[in-house]
N, C-alpha and C. Protein backbone atom coordinates (compact mmCIF):
# COMPACT_ATOMS: atom_id res chain seq x y z
N MET A 1 57.49 178.35 166.57
CA MET A 1 58.16 178.49 167.83
C MET A 1 58.64 179.93 168.02
N LYS A 2 59.16 180.52 166.97
CA LYS A 2 59.67 181.89 167.08
C LYS A 2 58.55 182.88 167.36
N LYS A 3 57.45 182.73 166.65
CA LYS A 3 56.35 183.68 166.77
C LYS A 3 55.83 183.76 168.21
N TYR A 4 55.72 182.63 168.89
CA TYR A 4 55.16 182.59 170.24
C TYR A 4 56.20 182.33 171.32
N ASN A 5 57.48 182.33 170.96
CA ASN A 5 58.57 182.09 171.91
C ASN A 5 58.38 180.76 172.64
N LEU A 6 58.11 179.72 171.87
CA LEU A 6 57.89 178.39 172.45
C LEU A 6 59.21 177.66 172.61
N SER A 7 59.21 176.67 173.49
CA SER A 7 60.39 175.84 173.70
C SER A 7 60.66 175.02 172.44
N PRO A 8 61.93 174.78 172.14
CA PRO A 8 62.28 174.11 170.88
C PRO A 8 62.16 172.59 170.92
N TYR A 9 60.99 172.08 171.27
CA TYR A 9 60.76 170.64 171.26
C TYR A 9 60.43 170.18 169.84
N THR A 10 60.86 168.98 169.51
CA THR A 10 60.44 168.39 168.24
C THR A 10 59.15 167.61 168.49
N LEU A 11 58.43 167.33 167.44
CA LEU A 11 57.21 166.55 167.57
C LEU A 11 57.50 165.18 168.18
N GLU A 12 58.61 164.59 167.81
CA GLU A 12 58.97 163.27 168.34
C GLU A 12 59.21 163.31 169.85
N GLN A 13 59.63 164.44 170.38
CA GLN A 13 59.84 164.57 171.82
C GLN A 13 58.53 164.74 172.58
N LEU A 14 57.50 165.21 171.92
CA LEU A 14 56.24 165.52 172.59
C LEU A 14 55.17 164.45 172.46
N VAL A 15 55.24 163.66 171.41
CA VAL A 15 54.15 162.73 171.10
C VAL A 15 54.51 161.30 171.49
N GLN A 16 53.53 160.61 172.05
CA GLN A 16 53.69 159.20 172.36
C GLN A 16 52.84 158.41 171.35
N TRP A 17 53.46 158.10 170.23
CA TRP A 17 52.72 157.47 169.13
C TRP A 17 52.10 156.14 169.53
N GLY A 18 52.78 155.37 170.35
CA GLY A 18 52.25 154.07 170.76
C GLY A 18 50.92 154.21 171.49
N PHE A 19 50.78 155.22 172.33
CA PHE A 19 49.52 155.44 173.04
C PHE A 19 48.41 155.78 172.05
N GLY A 20 48.71 156.66 171.09
CA GLY A 20 47.71 157.01 170.08
C GLY A 20 47.27 155.81 169.28
N ASP A 21 48.23 154.97 168.90
CA ASP A 21 47.88 153.75 168.17
C ASP A 21 46.97 152.86 169.00
N ALA A 22 47.27 152.72 170.28
CA ALA A 22 46.48 151.84 171.14
C ALA A 22 45.08 152.38 171.38
N ILE A 23 44.96 153.69 171.61
CA ILE A 23 43.67 154.25 171.97
C ILE A 23 42.74 154.43 170.77
N PHE A 24 43.31 154.67 169.59
CA PHE A 24 42.47 154.93 168.42
C PHE A 24 42.28 153.72 167.51
N ASN A 25 42.95 152.63 167.81
CA ASN A 25 42.81 151.42 166.98
C ASN A 25 42.14 150.29 167.73
N VAL A 26 41.17 150.60 168.56
CA VAL A 26 40.44 149.56 169.28
C VAL A 26 39.41 148.93 168.35
N GLU A 27 39.27 147.64 168.47
CA GLU A 27 38.31 146.93 167.62
C GLU A 27 36.98 146.73 168.31
N ASP A 28 36.95 146.81 169.62
CA ASP A 28 35.72 146.61 170.38
C ASP A 28 35.41 147.86 171.18
N ASP A 29 34.13 148.17 171.30
CA ASP A 29 33.73 149.28 172.15
C ASP A 29 33.91 148.88 173.60
N ALA A 30 34.16 149.86 174.43
CA ALA A 30 34.31 149.60 175.86
C ALA A 30 33.40 150.55 176.63
N PHE A 31 32.81 150.06 177.69
CA PHE A 31 31.97 150.87 178.54
C PHE A 31 32.63 150.90 179.91
N PHE A 32 32.97 152.09 180.36
CA PHE A 32 33.67 152.21 181.63
C PHE A 32 32.74 152.80 182.67
N ASP A 33 32.58 152.09 183.75
CA ASP A 33 31.73 152.52 184.85
C ASP A 33 32.58 152.52 186.11
N VAL A 34 32.76 153.68 186.73
CA VAL A 34 33.61 153.77 187.91
C VAL A 34 32.85 153.55 189.21
N ASN A 35 31.55 153.28 189.13
CA ASN A 35 30.77 153.10 190.35
C ASN A 35 31.27 151.93 191.19
N LYS A 36 31.64 150.83 190.57
CA LYS A 36 32.14 149.68 191.33
C LYS A 36 33.45 150.06 192.03
N ALA A 37 34.32 150.77 191.34
CA ALA A 37 35.57 151.19 191.96
C ALA A 37 35.29 152.10 193.16
N ARG A 38 34.33 152.99 193.03
CA ARG A 38 33.98 153.87 194.15
C ARG A 38 33.42 153.08 195.33
N ARG A 39 32.64 152.05 195.05
CA ARG A 39 32.11 151.21 196.13
C ARG A 39 33.23 150.54 196.91
N TYR A 40 34.36 150.30 196.26
CA TYR A 40 35.49 149.63 196.91
C TYR A 40 36.52 150.62 197.44
N GLY A 41 36.14 151.90 197.54
CA GLY A 41 36.99 152.86 198.22
C GLY A 41 37.80 153.80 197.37
N PHE A 42 37.70 153.73 196.06
CA PHE A 42 38.47 154.62 195.20
C PHE A 42 37.68 155.91 194.95
N GLN A 43 37.53 156.69 196.01
CA GLN A 43 36.71 157.90 195.94
C GLN A 43 37.38 159.03 195.16
N GLU A 44 38.70 158.99 195.01
CA GLU A 44 39.38 160.07 194.30
C GLU A 44 39.12 160.04 192.81
N MET A 45 38.35 159.09 192.32
CA MET A 45 38.05 158.97 190.90
C MET A 45 36.87 159.83 190.48
N ASN A 46 36.59 160.88 191.20
CA ASN A 46 35.44 161.71 190.85
C ASN A 46 35.89 163.12 190.46
N GLY A 47 37.02 163.22 189.80
CA GLY A 47 37.55 164.51 189.39
C GLY A 47 36.71 165.19 188.32
N ASN A 48 36.89 166.47 188.20
CA ASN A 48 36.19 167.27 187.21
C ASN A 48 36.98 167.19 185.90
N SER A 49 36.44 166.54 184.90
CA SER A 49 37.14 166.34 183.63
C SER A 49 37.54 167.65 182.97
N THR A 50 36.66 168.62 183.03
CA THR A 50 36.97 169.92 182.43
C THR A 50 38.17 170.55 183.11
N GLN A 51 38.20 170.49 184.44
CA GLN A 51 39.32 171.09 185.17
C GLN A 51 40.62 170.35 184.91
N VAL A 52 40.54 169.03 184.78
CA VAL A 52 41.74 168.25 184.48
C VAL A 52 42.33 168.68 183.14
N LEU A 53 41.49 168.86 182.13
CA LEU A 53 41.97 169.31 180.82
C LEU A 53 42.54 170.72 180.88
N LEU A 54 41.85 171.61 181.58
CA LEU A 54 42.35 172.98 181.71
C LEU A 54 43.70 173.02 182.42
N ASP A 55 43.86 172.19 183.44
CA ASP A 55 45.14 172.10 184.15
C ASP A 55 46.25 171.59 183.23
N ALA A 56 45.92 170.58 182.43
CA ALA A 56 46.92 170.02 181.50
C ALA A 56 47.34 171.07 180.48
N PHE A 57 46.38 171.79 179.92
CA PHE A 57 46.72 172.84 178.96
C PHE A 57 47.51 173.96 179.64
N GLY A 58 47.19 174.26 180.90
CA GLY A 58 47.94 175.26 181.64
C GLY A 58 49.39 174.85 181.83
N GLN A 59 49.61 173.57 182.11
CA GLN A 59 50.98 173.08 182.26
C GLN A 59 51.74 173.17 180.94
N LEU A 60 51.08 172.83 179.85
CA LEU A 60 51.72 172.93 178.54
C LEU A 60 52.06 174.38 178.21
N LYS A 61 51.18 175.28 178.57
CA LYS A 61 51.43 176.69 178.32
C LYS A 61 52.58 177.20 179.19
N ASN A 62 52.61 176.80 180.46
CA ASN A 62 53.69 177.22 181.36
C ASN A 62 55.05 176.71 180.92
N ARG A 63 55.06 175.54 180.29
CA ARG A 63 56.33 174.98 179.79
C ARG A 63 56.65 175.48 178.40
N ARG A 64 55.83 176.41 177.89
CA ARG A 64 56.00 177.02 176.58
C ARG A 64 56.00 175.97 175.46
N ILE A 65 55.08 174.99 175.60
CA ILE A 65 54.91 173.98 174.54
C ILE A 65 53.79 174.42 173.60
N ILE A 66 52.78 175.09 174.17
CA ILE A 66 51.71 175.67 173.37
C ILE A 66 51.61 177.16 173.71
N PRO A 67 51.09 177.98 172.76
CA PRO A 67 50.98 179.43 173.05
C PRO A 67 49.85 179.73 174.04
């Protein structure tokens, strides 16, 4: 934190362990297809995954959580 002047968050404040447990401990594979949702009007589900990740990392950087 000192080296990069990061905010003094603890790991417990930043991590949602329950979500990690749920997402990484699945016993069955899942196939997600958004085409049906789009047919029913959910057109906003066509975001650019790369841009979404870059935006998330940008927010973390702006909040001084990551360097």
